Amino acid sequence: MAEIKKVVLRNGTVRWRTVVDAGRDENGKRIQLTITRDTKTEVKEEQARIINQRASGSFVAPNKVTVAQLLDMWLAKKSRDLEESTVQGYKNALCHVYEYLGHLRIQELTEDQVDSMVSWLLVAARRRGGKPGTGIRPSTASGVLSRLKEALAWAVVRKLVHSNVAEYVQIPRKAWKEDRRNNKRPAPWNVLEVKDFLLGIRGDRIFAPLMLSLMGLRPAEVAGLRWADIDVDAGTLAIANTRTMIGNARVLEKDTKTEAGERILPLPDPVRQALIAFKGLQEIEQMSLGAYYSASGYMFVDHLGQPLTTRYLREHAYSLMRRLELRQVRLYDARHSCLTFLAVNGVEDVVLAAWAGHVSASFTKRVYVHPSPDDLRAASDHLTVLLGFADEAAA
């Protein structure tokens, strides 16, 4: 243990000082801390505290790491484990944290400062997708806060900070309630709306890909399907490849997000027939264009054989909705409509989750199943029997 030395400053003030070994940094370099206090006893107490915390594994050495530097390190680590599109989503969310808290040292960051950032997110953080300078929605703010919590939790594990000061910060309930009042999400299509859409698009070139959306496939799964994945004779399709977009320009091709997403689905006969017709159309187009046709092997292609994107699928679907004067919903909500229909018609939870490509059946029902008033009528009919007096009156 280093000697505690007496230090006399120029003005005659007496201080006491020693150096204590604080372990090694992530590069193996030795860390030494200088302790300076007014009395020798205070130096001994601080020295003992550091030695005891080192022995228990709870010691955190002082550092000058800022929030921005922590986020850079954390994102670099996450980039090794997550898909590129997910990491890009994290970066988009954390741009607000960089702006508001990035300059602060993580060891000086307080819960009040994180709380202040949340307030700012809800009133003035918007950059795009609306009027700049207004607040972002609570769901978006919650994503920002969750990423910051993850990064700070990692900093605790790495012994960069003592505790996660964002752990108990939450989006105010008042903000959630106000958002639900002001931004009511349109309900997914009911059965009649789905049928009206199908009748209206029967002559559309991409009728088959749109039917795949209506049978519950994700847009990225539709765009990633290859003809080699589809067995029209057996009436099955294998989902093992996706094509999604990062931003509005770059296409990213990858495997399914989870192991559960990789699945084989039996084709309903109307979808099977539509795919056979679409395959025949592409063969005619290839014969007509000859060398000008690019046979890519993908199912979702244009008249030249070039693969189409999820953006095209969505925008084309929305243009059809407008032309048919149907209530516009997100194309992704076709997946919700499909899973709701299957759920209310008695498909078991485990089968429902497998069809959707989810690990958890409870997640599928909680997020994707939205019974409509018409779906609830069956429950009303059962209650009529329970609560009614028709049988007694007849007696």
Protein backbone atom coordinates (compact mmCIF):
# COMPACT_ATOMS: atom_id res chain seq x y z
CA MET A 1 0.00 0.00 0.00
CA ALA A 2 1.38 3.42 -1.01
CA GLU A 3 2.57 5.85 1.63
CA ILE A 4 0.27 8.74 2.64
CA LYS A 5 2.23 11.94 2.19
CA LYS A 6 1.77 15.35 3.73
CA VAL A 7 1.54 18.13 1.12
CA VAL A 8 1.91 21.82 1.96
CA LEU A 9 0.44 24.18 -0.61
CA ARG A 10 1.93 27.60 -1.40
CA ASN A 11 -0.60 29.35 0.78
CA GLY A 12 0.36 27.15 3.72
CA THR A 13 -2.65 24.83 3.55
CA VAL A 14 -1.85 21.25 4.53
CA ARG A 15 -3.30 18.38 2.45
CA TRP A 16 -2.74 14.65 2.57
CA ARG A 17 -2.22 12.54 -0.54
CA THR A 18 -1.63 8.97 -1.66
CA VAL A 19 -1.92 6.82 -4.78
CA VAL A 20 -4.05 3.68 -4.86
CA ASP A 21 -4.07 0.89 -7.45
CA ALA A 22 -7.52 0.76 -9.06
CA GLY A 23 -6.99 -2.24 -11.33
CA ARG A 24 -6.62 -2.23 -15.12
CA ASP A 25 -8.63 -0.75 -17.95
CA GLU A 26 -10.11 -2.71 -20.88
CA ASN A 27 -6.75 -2.50 -22.67
CA GLY A 28 -4.88 -3.98 -19.70
CA LYS A 29 -3.30 -0.67 -18.73
CA ARG A 30 -2.82 -0.13 -15.01
CA ILE A 31 -5.16 2.42 -13.39
CA GLN A 32 -3.83 4.48 -10.50
CA LEU A 33 -5.93 7.01 -8.63
CA THR A 34 -4.58 9.93 -6.64
CA ILE A 35 -6.47 10.60 -3.41
CA THR A 36 -6.13 14.07 -1.87
CA ARG A 37 -8.00 15.05 1.29
CA ASP A 38 -7.81 17.61 4.09
CA THR A 39 -6.87 15.04 6.74
CA LYS A 40 -4.88 11.84 6.86
CA THR A 41 -7.92 10.01 8.26
CA GLU A 42 -10.05 10.98 5.24
CA VAL A 43 -7.36 9.66 2.91
CA LYS A 44 -7.27 6.35 4.79
CA GLU A 45 -11.05 6.04 4.63
CA GLU A 46 -11.16 6.66 0.88
CA GLN A 47 -8.25 4.31 0.36
CA ALA A 48 -10.06 1.60 2.34
CA ARG A 49 -13.31 2.19 0.42
CA ILE A 50 -11.59 1.71 -2.95
CA ILE A 51 -9.75 -1.43 -1.80
CA ASN A 52 -12.94 -2.95 -0.37
CA GLN A 53 -14.98 -2.17 -3.51
CA ARG A 54 -12.25 -3.65 -5.67
CA ALA A 55 -12.34 -6.82 -3.59
CA SER A 56 -16.14 -7.05 -3.89
CA GLY A 57 -16.15 -6.22 -7.61
CA SER A 58 -18.25 -3.08 -7.17
CA PHE A 59 -15.55 -0.47 -7.73
CA VAL A 60 -16.08 2.02 -10.55
CA ALA A 61 -13.05 4.08 -11.46
CA PRO A 62 -13.57 7.76 -12.36
CA ASN A 63 -13.72 8.36 -16.10
CA LYS A 64 -14.52 11.14 -18.55
CA VAL A 65 -16.69 9.07 -20.91
CA THR A 66 -19.59 11.13 -22.30
CA VAL A 67 -23.06 9.90 -23.17
CA ALA A 68 -22.20 10.24 -26.87
CA GLN A 69 -19.04 8.15 -26.44
CA LEU A 70 -20.97 5.50 -24.51
CA LEU A 71 -23.59 5.28 -27.25
CA ASP A 72 -20.85 4.92 -29.87
CA MET A 73 -19.31 2.02 -27.92
CA TRP A 74 -22.67 0.37 -27.28
CA LEU A 75 -23.79 0.62 -30.91
CA ALA A 76 -20.47 -0.85 -32.06
CA LYS A 77 -21.10 -3.82 -29.76
CA LYS A 78 -24.73 -4.23 -30.88
CA SER A 79 -23.67 -4.10 -34.52
CA ARG A 80 -21.94 -7.44 -34.05
CA ASP A 81 -25.13 -9.15 -32.87
CA LEU A 82 -28.03 -7.43 -34.66
CA GLU A 83 -29.17 -7.11 -38.25
CA GLU A 84 -28.14 -4.00 -40.11
CA SER A 85 -31.70 -2.71 -40.37
CA THR A 86 -32.19 -3.06 -36.60
CA VAL A 87 -28.95 -1.22 -35.84
CA GLN A 88 -30.03 1.56 -38.20
CA GLY A 89 -33.30 1.80 -36.27
CA TYR A 90 -31.33 2.13 -33.02
CA LYS A 91 -29.22 4.92 -34.53
CA ASN A 92 -32.31 6.77 -35.71
CA ALA A 93 -33.81 6.58 -32.22
CA LEU A 94 -30.63 7.62 -30.42
CA CYS A 95 -30.04 10.75 -32.51
CA HIS A 96 -32.24 12.55 -29.96
CA VAL A 97 -30.10 11.35 -27.06
CA TYR A 98 -26.93 12.47 -28.82
CA GLU A 99 -28.46 15.91 -29.28
CA TYR A 100 -29.84 16.42 -25.77
CA LEU A 101 -27.48 14.50 -23.49
CA GLY A 102 -24.49 13.59 -25.66
CA HIS A 103 -22.12 16.19 -24.19
CA LEU A 104 -22.63 15.11 -20.57
CA ARG A 105 -20.31 12.72 -18.76
CA ILE A 106 -22.08 9.49 -17.90
CA GLN A 107 -20.81 9.59 -14.30
CA GLU A 108 -22.41 13.02 -13.88
CA LEU A 109 -25.69 12.12 -15.62
CA THR A 110 -28.73 12.32 -13.35
CA GLU A 111 -32.24 10.92 -13.42
CA ASP A 112 -33.59 14.48 -13.59
CA GLN A 113 -31.62 15.13 -16.78
CA VAL A 114 -33.03 11.96 -18.40
CA ASP A 115 -36.51 13.01 -17.26
CA SER A 116 -35.92 16.43 -18.81
CA MET A 117 -34.97 14.77 -22.10
CA VAL A 118 -38.23 12.80 -22.06
CA SER A 119 -40.19 16.03 -21.60
CA TRP A 120 -38.30 17.57 -24.53
CA LEU A 121 -38.98 14.53 -26.72
CA LEU A 122 -42.71 14.94 -26.15
CA VAL A 123 -42.86 18.66 -26.96
CA ALA A 124 -40.01 19.71 -29.28
CA ALA A 125 -37.79 16.89 -30.63
CA ARG A 126 -39.41 16.21 -34.01
CA ARG A 127 -37.13 16.48 -37.02
CA ARG A 128 -39.24 14.94 -39.78
CA GLY A 129 -42.56 13.21 -40.38
CA GLY A 130 -44.43 16.30 -39.24
CA LYS A 131 -43.78 19.88 -38.22
CA PRO A 132 -40.14 20.22 -37.06
CA GLY A 133 -39.83 21.40 -33.49
CA THR A 134 -42.99 19.69 -32.26
CA GLY A 135 -43.06 16.63 -30.04
CA ILE A 136 -42.68 13.04 -31.15
CA ARG A 137 -45.29 10.46 -30.20
CA PRO A 138 -45.00 8.60 -26.89
CA SER A 139 -44.41 5.28 -28.66
CA THR A 140 -41.41 6.78 -30.46
CA ALA A 141 -40.16 8.45 -27.28
CA SER A 142 -40.49 5.13 -25.47
CA GLY A 143 -38.21 3.53 -28.06
CA VAL A 144 -35.62 6.29 -27.56
CA LEU A 145 -35.75 5.86 -23.78
CA SER A 146 -35.49 2.07 -24.03
CA ARG A 147 -32.32 2.27 -26.09
CA LEU A 148 -30.75 4.71 -23.61
CA LYS A 149 -31.68 2.40 -20.72
CA GLU A 150 -30.01 -0.52 -22.51
CA ALA A 151 -26.84 1.47 -23.12
CA LEU A 152 -26.64 2.62 -19.50
CA ALA A 153 -27.31 -0.91 -18.23
CA TRP A 154 -24.35 -2.06 -20.34
CA ALA A 155 -22.27 0.76 -18.82
CA VAL A 156 -23.11 -0.62 -15.35
CA VAL A 157 -21.92 -4.09 -16.39
CA ARG A 158 -18.72 -2.59 -17.80
CA LYS A 159 -18.10 -0.73 -14.52
CA LEU A 160 -18.31 2.65 -16.21
CA VAL A 161 -21.08 3.90 -13.88
CA HIS A 162 -22.42 2.79 -10.50
CA SER A 163 -26.07 2.67 -11.50
CA ASN A 164 -28.51 3.12 -14.39
CA VAL A 165 -30.01 6.55 -13.72
CA ALA A 166 -32.61 6.04 -16.49
CA GLU A 167 -33.93 2.77 -15.04
CA TYR A 168 -37.05 4.25 -13.41
CA VAL A 169 -37.75 7.03 -15.90
CA GLN A 170 -41.04 6.46 -17.74
CA ILE A 171 -43.17 8.13 -20.40
CA PRO A 172 -45.93 9.93 -18.42
CA ARG A 173 -49.31 8.20 -18.50
CA LYS A 174 -50.89 11.53 -19.35
CA ALA A 175 -48.91 11.61 -22.61
CA TRP A 176 -50.08 8.08 -23.53
CA LYS A 177 -53.72 8.96 -22.85
CA GLU A 178 -53.54 12.17 -24.86
CA ASP A 179 -51.90 10.35 -27.75
CA ARG A 180 -54.66 7.71 -27.78
CA ARG A 181 -57.27 10.48 -27.93
CA ASN A 182 -55.57 12.45 -30.70
CA ASN A 183 -54.17 9.63 -32.83
CA LYS A 184 -56.72 6.88 -32.97
CA ARG A 185 -55.31 4.11 -35.12
CA PRO A 186 -57.67 2.89 -37.85
CA ALA A 187 -58.93 -0.61 -37.24
CA PRO A 188 -57.70 -3.28 -39.67
CA TRP A 189 -60.12 -4.25 -42.43
CA ASN A 190 -62.99 -6.51 -41.54
CA VAL A 191 -63.98 -9.51 -43.67
CA LEU A 192 -66.26 -7.50 -45.98
CA GLU A 193 -63.56 -4.90 -46.66
CA VAL A 194 -61.02 -7.62 -47.46
CA LYS A 195 -63.46 -9.21 -49.91
CA ASP A 196 -64.22 -5.83 -51.55
CA PHE A 197 -60.50 -5.26 -52.03
CA LEU A 198 -59.99 -8.72 -53.52
CA LEU A 199 -62.86 -8.26 -55.97
CA GLY A 200 -61.52 -4.87 -57.02
CA ILE A 201 -57.95 -6.01 -57.73
CA ARG A 202 -58.57 -9.30 -59.55
CA GLY A 203 -57.28 -7.86 -62.79
CA ASP A 204 -54.21 -6.19 -61.28
CA ARG A 205 -50.79 -7.42 -62.38
CA ILE A 206 -49.59 -8.06 -58.82
CA PHE A 207 -52.83 -9.68 -57.66
CA ALA A 208 -50.90 -12.73 -56.38
CA PRO A 209 -48.38 -10.79 -54.22
CA LEU A 210 -51.25 -8.77 -52.75
CA MET A 211 -53.08 -12.01 -51.90
CA LEU A 212 -49.96 -13.19 -50.08
CA SER A 213 -50.18 -10.04 -47.96
CA LEU A 214 -53.82 -10.78 -47.24
CA MET A 215 -52.93 -14.30 -46.10
CA GLY A 216 -50.65 -12.83 -43.44
CA LEU A 217 -47.17 -12.55 -44.95
CA ARG A 218 -45.00 -9.59 -44.02
CA PRO A 219 -44.17 -7.21 -46.92
CA ALA A 220 -40.49 -8.16 -46.64
CA GLU A 221 -41.43 -11.85 -46.90
CA VAL A 222 -43.49 -11.22 -50.04
CA ALA A 223 -40.62 -9.28 -51.62
CA GLY A 224 -38.10 -11.98 -50.67
CA LEU A 225 -40.00 -14.98 -52.06
CA ARG A 226 -38.34 -16.83 -54.90
CA TRP A 227 -40.10 -19.19 -57.27
CA ALA A 228 -37.85 -21.93 -55.93
CA ASP A 229 -39.53 -21.40 -52.53
CA ILE A 230 -43.01 -22.01 -53.98
CA ASP A 231 -44.30 -25.48 -54.83
CA VAL A 232 -47.59 -24.88 -56.62
CA ASP A 233 -48.08 -28.61 -57.20
CA ALA A 234 -47.83 -29.42 -53.51
CA GLY A 235 -49.56 -26.16 -52.61
CA THR A 236 -46.88 -24.85 -50.21
CA LEU A 237 -44.46 -21.97 -49.93
CA ALA A 238 -41.30 -21.79 -47.82
CA ILE A 239 -40.39 -18.53 -46.11
CA ALA A 240 -36.64 -18.39 -45.57
CA ASN A 241 -35.60 -15.13 -47.25
CA THR A 242 -36.67 -11.49 -46.90
CA ARG A 243 -35.97 -8.30 -48.82
CA THR A 244 -36.50 -5.08 -46.87
CA MET A 245 -35.48 -1.46 -47.29
CA ILE A 246 -33.18 0.73 -45.23
CA GLY A 247 -34.46 4.25 -45.64
CA ASN A 248 -36.10 4.78 -49.00
CA ALA A 249 -33.29 3.69 -51.26
CA ARG A 250 -31.20 0.70 -50.24
CA VAL A 251 -32.56 -2.85 -50.32
CA LEU A 252 -31.30 -5.29 -47.71
CA GLU A 253 -31.66 -9.01 -48.34
CA LYS A 254 -31.42 -11.32 -45.34
CA ASP A 255 -32.83 -14.42 -43.74
CA THR A 256 -35.84 -14.33 -41.45
CA LYS A 257 -35.63 -12.29 -38.25
CA THR A 258 -36.08 -15.32 -35.97
CA GLU A 259 -36.00 -19.08 -36.33
CA ALA A 260 -39.80 -19.09 -35.96
CA GLY A 261 -40.05 -16.80 -38.99
CA GLU A 262 -38.57 -19.53 -41.18
CA ARG A 263 -41.60 -21.68 -41.94
CA ILE A 264 -43.52 -23.60 -44.58
CA LEU A 265 -47.13 -22.55 -45.16
CA PRO A 266 -49.84 -24.43 -47.05
CA LEU A 267 -51.34 -22.30 -49.79
CA PRO A 268 -55.08 -21.61 -49.79
CA ASP A 269 -56.31 -22.66 -53.22
CA PRO A 270 -57.24 -19.10 -54.37
CA VAL A 271 -53.67 -17.98 -53.61
CA ARG A 272 -52.23 -21.04 -55.33
CA GLN A 273 -54.27 -20.31 -58.48
CA ALA A 274 -53.21 -16.65 -58.43
CA LEU A 275 -49.54 -17.66 -58.19
CA ILE A 276 -49.90 -20.08 -61.11
CA ALA A 277 -51.41 -17.28 -63.20
CA PHE A 278 -48.66 -14.84 -62.15
CA LYS A 279 -45.96 -17.37 -63.04
CA GLY A 280 -47.57 -17.86 -66.46
CA LEU A 281 -47.69 -14.10 -67.03
CA GLN A 282 -43.99 -13.78 -66.25
CA GLU A 283 -43.16 -16.59 -68.69
CA ILE A 284 -45.08 -14.74 -71.42
CA GLU A 285 -43.27 -11.48 -70.59
CA GLN A 286 -39.91 -13.26 -70.73
CA MET A 287 -40.70 -14.80 -74.11
CA SER A 288 -41.84 -11.42 -75.46
CA LEU A 289 -38.80 -9.47 -74.28
CA GLY A 290 -36.13 -12.08 -74.88
CA ALA A 291 -32.68 -10.76 -73.96
CA TYR A 292 -34.22 -7.61 -72.44
CA TYR A 293 -35.81 -9.68 -69.69
CA SER A 294 -33.76 -10.24 -66.51
CA ALA A 295 -34.75 -13.54 -64.92
CA SER A 296 -33.92 -12.99 -61.26
CA GLY A 297 -35.71 -15.97 -59.77
CA TYR A 298 -37.83 -13.77 -57.51
CA MET A 299 -41.60 -14.04 -57.50
CA PHE A 300 -42.33 -10.32 -56.95
CA VAL A 301 -40.92 -8.74 -60.12
CA ASP A 302 -41.91 -6.16 -62.70
CA HIS A 303 -42.58 -6.82 -66.40
CA LEU A 304 -38.81 -6.80 -67.06
CA GLY A 305 -38.08 -9.40 -64.41
CA GLN A 306 -36.53 -6.91 -62.00
CA PRO A 307 -37.29 -7.53 -58.29
CA LEU A 308 -39.77 -5.07 -56.80
CA THR A 309 -39.48 -3.59 -53.32
CA THR A 310 -41.65 -3.42 -50.22
CA ARG A 311 -42.08 0.28 -50.92
CA TYR A 312 -43.61 -0.48 -54.32
CA LEU A 313 -45.89 -3.10 -52.77
CA ARG A 314 -47.21 -0.63 -50.20
CA GLU A 315 -47.61 2.33 -52.53
CA HIS A 316 -49.34 0.23 -55.17
CA ALA A 317 -51.74 -1.18 -52.58
CA TYR A 318 -52.58 2.32 -51.34
CA SER A 319 -53.25 3.54 -54.88
CA LEU A 320 -55.65 0.62 -55.36
CA MET A 321 -57.42 1.47 -52.10
CA ARG A 322 -57.94 5.03 -53.30
CA ARG A 323 -59.17 3.89 -56.71
CA LEU A 324 -61.63 1.48 -55.14
CA GLU A 325 -62.67 4.14 -52.59
CA LEU A 326 -61.93 1.79 -49.72
CA ARG A 327 -60.92 2.88 -46.25
CA GLN A 328 -57.13 3.23 -46.34
CA VAL A 329 -55.23 1.14 -43.84
CA ARG A 330 -51.59 0.14 -43.65
CA LEU A 331 -50.72 -2.79 -45.88
CA TYR A 332 -49.17 -4.40 -42.79
CA ASP A 333 -52.66 -4.33 -41.25
CA ALA A 334 -53.70 -6.96 -43.79
CA ARG A 335 -51.60 -9.27 -41.62
CA HIS A 336 -53.62 -8.17 -38.59
CA SER A 337 -56.88 -8.81 -40.48
CA CYS A 338 -55.75 -12.30 -41.47
CA LEU A 339 -54.65 -13.32 -37.97
CA THR A 340 -57.80 -11.84 -36.40
CA PHE A 341 -59.97 -13.82 -38.84
CA LEU A 342 -58.11 -17.04 -38.04
CA ALA A 343 -58.29 -16.41 -34.28
CA VAL A 344 -62.01 -15.69 -34.11
CA ASN A 345 -62.71 -18.71 -36.30
CA GLY A 346 -61.18 -21.11 -33.84
CA VAL A 347 -57.58 -21.57 -35.03
CA GLU A 348 -55.55 -22.67 -32.00
CA ASP A 349 -53.07 -20.22 -30.50
CA VAL A 350 -50.02 -22.35 -31.25
CA VAL A 351 -51.04 -22.71 -34.91
CA LEU A 352 -51.80 -19.00 -35.13
CA ALA A 353 -48.31 -18.10 -33.87
CA ALA A 354 -46.69 -20.60 -36.23
CA TRP A 355 -48.60 -19.16 -39.20
CA ALA A 356 -47.49 -15.63 -38.24
CA GLY A 357 -43.88 -16.72 -37.70
CA HIS A 358 -43.84 -15.70 -34.03
CA VAL A 359 -42.09 -17.39 -31.13
CA SER A 360 -44.84 -16.50 -28.65
CA ALA A 361 -48.53 -17.25 -29.13
CA SER A 362 -49.41 -14.70 -26.46
CA PHE A 363 -47.56 -12.02 -28.45
CA THR A 364 -49.51 -12.90 -31.60
CA LYS A 365 -52.87 -12.58 -29.86
CA ARG A 366 -51.95 -9.46 -27.90
CA VAL A 367 -50.57 -7.48 -30.85
CA TYR A 368 -52.27 -8.85 -33.97
CA VAL A 369 -55.75 -10.01 -32.99
CA HIS A 370 -58.38 -7.22 -32.98
CA PRO A 371 -61.94 -8.58 -32.76
CA SER A 372 -64.47 -6.27 -34.44
CA PRO A 373 -68.03 -5.63 -33.21
CA ASP A 374 -69.21 -8.24 -35.74
CA ASP A 375 -66.73 -10.75 -34.29
CA LEU A 376 -68.13 -10.05 -30.82
CA ARG A 377 -71.67 -10.86 -31.96
CA ALA A 378 -71.10 -14.55 -31.27
CA ALA A 379 -70.44 -13.71 -27.63
CA SER A 380 -73.62 -11.62 -27.60
CA ASP A 381 -75.62 -14.56 -28.96
CA HIS A 382 -74.33 -16.80 -26.17
CA LEU A 383 -75.24 -14.18 -23.58
CA THR A 384 -78.74 -13.96 -25.02
CA VAL A 385 -79.21 -17.58 -24.02
CA LEU A 386 -77.78 -16.95 -20.56
CA LEU A 387 -79.61 -13.72 -19.79
CA GLY A 388 -82.85 -14.17 -21.69
CA PHE A 389 -86.26 -15.38 -20.52
CA ALA A 390 -87.55 -16.85 -23.79
CA ASP A 391 -87.57 -20.44 -22.53
CA GLU A 392 -89.39 -19.53 -19.30
CA ALA A 393 -92.03 -17.53 -21.18
CA ALA A 394 -92.68 -20.51 -23.46
CA ALA A 395 -93.12 -22.75 -20.43
